[in-house]
Amino acid sequence: MRPVKAPVPEDAPQFLREAFDRARRAKQPLVVDFWAAWCAPCLHLKKVTFHDSEVAKLLDKVQLVYVDLDKYPALGKVYGVESVPDVFLIDREGMIVDRLHNFEPPEAFLARLKKLLGV
């Protein structure tokens, strides 16, 4: 994937703007997870992958923000989200460097996080 600047529209929800600000101040990457309550793969990703002990350790080193696509469809359009889950991995410079479009087991997602964090 060719890195592109992560959009933060002026009318973005406050929680998203704050997550970008925290990431910038802490010099941390950001993971933005677009999801929906009715989405089985989304819930499985949270329950199985994000709660895996090794994944959770690395997620503590990034800013993680969840965006409910049903509540924020306009933000989904800004990011080009067509289905959920859609997870954006954004580096310390605010560039989208990786993107996950479906459920992924912990081992594979762990590799993505390690690359994002440079570990």
Protein backbone atom coordinates (compact mmCIF):
# COMPACT_ATOMS: atom_id res chain seq x y z
CA MET A 1 0.00 0.00 0.00
CA ARG A 2 1.27 3.44 -0.92
CA PRO A 3 1.11 5.72 2.15
CA VAL A 4 -1.40 8.57 2.01
CA LYS A 5 -2.18 11.31 4.52
CA ALA A 6 -4.97 10.32 6.90
CA PRO A 7 -7.85 12.78 6.57
CA VAL A 8 -9.13 14.62 9.63
CA PRO A 9 -12.02 16.73 8.38
CA GLU A 10 -12.87 19.90 10.27
CA ASP A 11 -16.27 18.42 11.12
CA ALA A 12 -14.80 15.11 12.32
CA PRO A 13 -16.18 13.90 15.65
CA GLN A 14 -14.31 15.26 18.64
CA PHE A 15 -13.17 11.81 19.77
CA LEU A 16 -11.37 11.28 16.45
CA ARG A 17 -9.70 14.70 16.47
CA GLU A 18 -8.60 14.06 20.05
CA ALA A 19 -7.16 10.66 19.12
CA PHE A 20 -5.10 12.25 16.33
CA ASP A 21 -3.93 14.95 18.77
CA ARG A 22 -2.95 12.38 21.41
CA ALA A 23 -1.07 10.32 18.83
CA ARG A 24 0.77 13.40 17.57
CA ARG A 25 1.70 14.58 21.07
CA ALA A 26 2.80 11.10 22.19
CA LYS A 27 4.53 10.42 18.84
CA GLN A 28 2.51 7.21 18.55
CA PRO A 29 0.87 5.51 15.61
CA LEU A 30 -2.91 5.43 15.41
CA VAL A 31 -5.25 2.55 14.60
CA VAL A 32 -8.73 3.57 13.42
CA ASP A 33 -11.25 0.74 13.40
CA PHE A 34 -14.47 1.36 11.47
CA TRP A 35 -17.05 -1.14 12.72
CA ALA A 36 -20.77 -1.67 13.32
CA ALA A 37 -22.66 -3.42 16.11
CA TRP A 38 -24.40 -5.78 13.65
CA CYS A 39 -21.10 -6.82 11.98
CA ALA A 40 -20.05 -10.32 13.10
CA PRO A 41 -16.48 -10.04 11.69
CA CYS A 42 -16.10 -6.69 13.51
CA LEU A 43 -17.11 -8.19 16.83
CA HIS A 44 -14.92 -11.23 16.22
CA LEU A 45 -11.94 -8.98 15.44
CA LYS A 46 -12.42 -7.13 18.75
CA LYS A 47 -13.08 -10.25 20.83
CA VAL A 48 -10.48 -12.59 19.36
CA THR A 49 -7.75 -10.49 17.75
CA PHE A 50 -7.68 -7.23 19.71
CA HIS A 51 -8.01 -9.07 23.05
CA ASP A 52 -5.21 -11.53 22.28
CA SER A 53 -2.53 -10.92 24.92
CA GLU A 54 0.30 -10.24 22.45
CA VAL A 55 -1.84 -7.97 20.27
CA ALA A 56 -3.15 -6.13 23.34
CA LYS A 57 0.43 -5.41 24.49
CA LEU A 58 1.21 -3.73 21.18
CA LEU A 59 -2.13 -1.93 21.02
CA ASP A 60 -1.11 -0.27 24.29
CA LYS A 61 1.67 1.44 22.30
CA VAL A 62 -0.70 3.03 19.77
CA GLN A 63 -3.77 5.22 19.94
CA LEU A 64 -6.74 2.98 19.14
CA VAL A 65 -10.05 4.54 18.17
CA TYR A 66 -13.30 2.85 17.17
CA VAL A 67 -15.65 4.54 14.71
CA ASP A 68 -19.20 3.19 14.55
CA LEU A 69 -20.02 3.45 10.85
CA ASP A 70 -23.76 3.57 11.59
CA LYS A 71 -23.25 6.69 13.73
CA TYR A 72 -20.64 8.35 11.49
CA PRO A 73 -21.39 7.37 7.87
CA ALA A 74 -20.01 10.68 6.53
CA LEU A 75 -16.65 9.95 8.14
CA GLY A 76 -16.71 6.52 6.53
CA LYS A 77 -17.18 8.19 3.16
CA VAL A 78 -14.19 10.47 3.79
CA TYR A 79 -12.07 7.37 4.42
CA GLY A 80 -13.55 5.40 1.54
CA VAL A 81 -15.06 2.74 3.79
CA GLU A 82 -17.38 0.50 1.78
CA SER A 83 -17.75 -2.36 4.26
CA VAL A 84 -16.78 -3.18 7.82
CA PRO A 85 -14.55 -3.99 9.49
CA ASP A 86 -12.16 -1.53 7.90
CA VAL A 87 -9.08 -0.86 10.01
CA PHE A 88 -6.59 1.87 9.16
CA LEU A 89 -3.03 1.77 10.50
CA ILE A 90 -1.60 5.28 10.58
CA ASP A 91 2.07 5.94 11.29
CA ARG A 92 3.57 8.62 13.53
CA GLU A 93 3.58 11.10 10.65
CA GLY A 94 -0.16 10.71 10.07
CA MET A 95 0.17 8.56 6.96
CA ILE A 96 -2.09 5.57 6.31
CA VAL A 97 0.44 2.81 5.79
CA ASP A 98 -1.75 -0.29 6.04
CA ARG A 99 -5.41 -1.24 5.89
CA LEU A 100 -7.35 -4.31 6.96
CA HIS A 101 -10.73 -5.03 5.33
CA ASN A 102 -11.92 -8.11 7.22
CA PHE A 103 -11.37 -10.32 10.22
CA GLU A 104 -7.75 -11.27 10.73
CA PRO A 105 -6.40 -13.74 13.29
CA PRO A 106 -4.12 -12.43 16.04
CA GLU A 107 -0.86 -13.70 14.50
CA ALA A 108 -1.41 -11.84 11.23
CA PHE A 109 -2.57 -8.64 12.90
CA LEU A 110 0.38 -8.83 15.27
CA ALA A 111 2.71 -8.73 12.25
CA ARG A 112 0.94 -5.59 10.98
CA LEU A 113 1.30 -3.90 14.38
CA LYS A 114 4.98 -4.82 14.64
CA LYS A 115 5.61 -3.27 11.24
CA LEU A 116 3.65 -0.15 12.22
CA LEU A 117 5.62 0.19 15.45
CA GLY A 118 8.96 -0.75 13.89
CA VAL A 119 9.57 -3.62 16.33
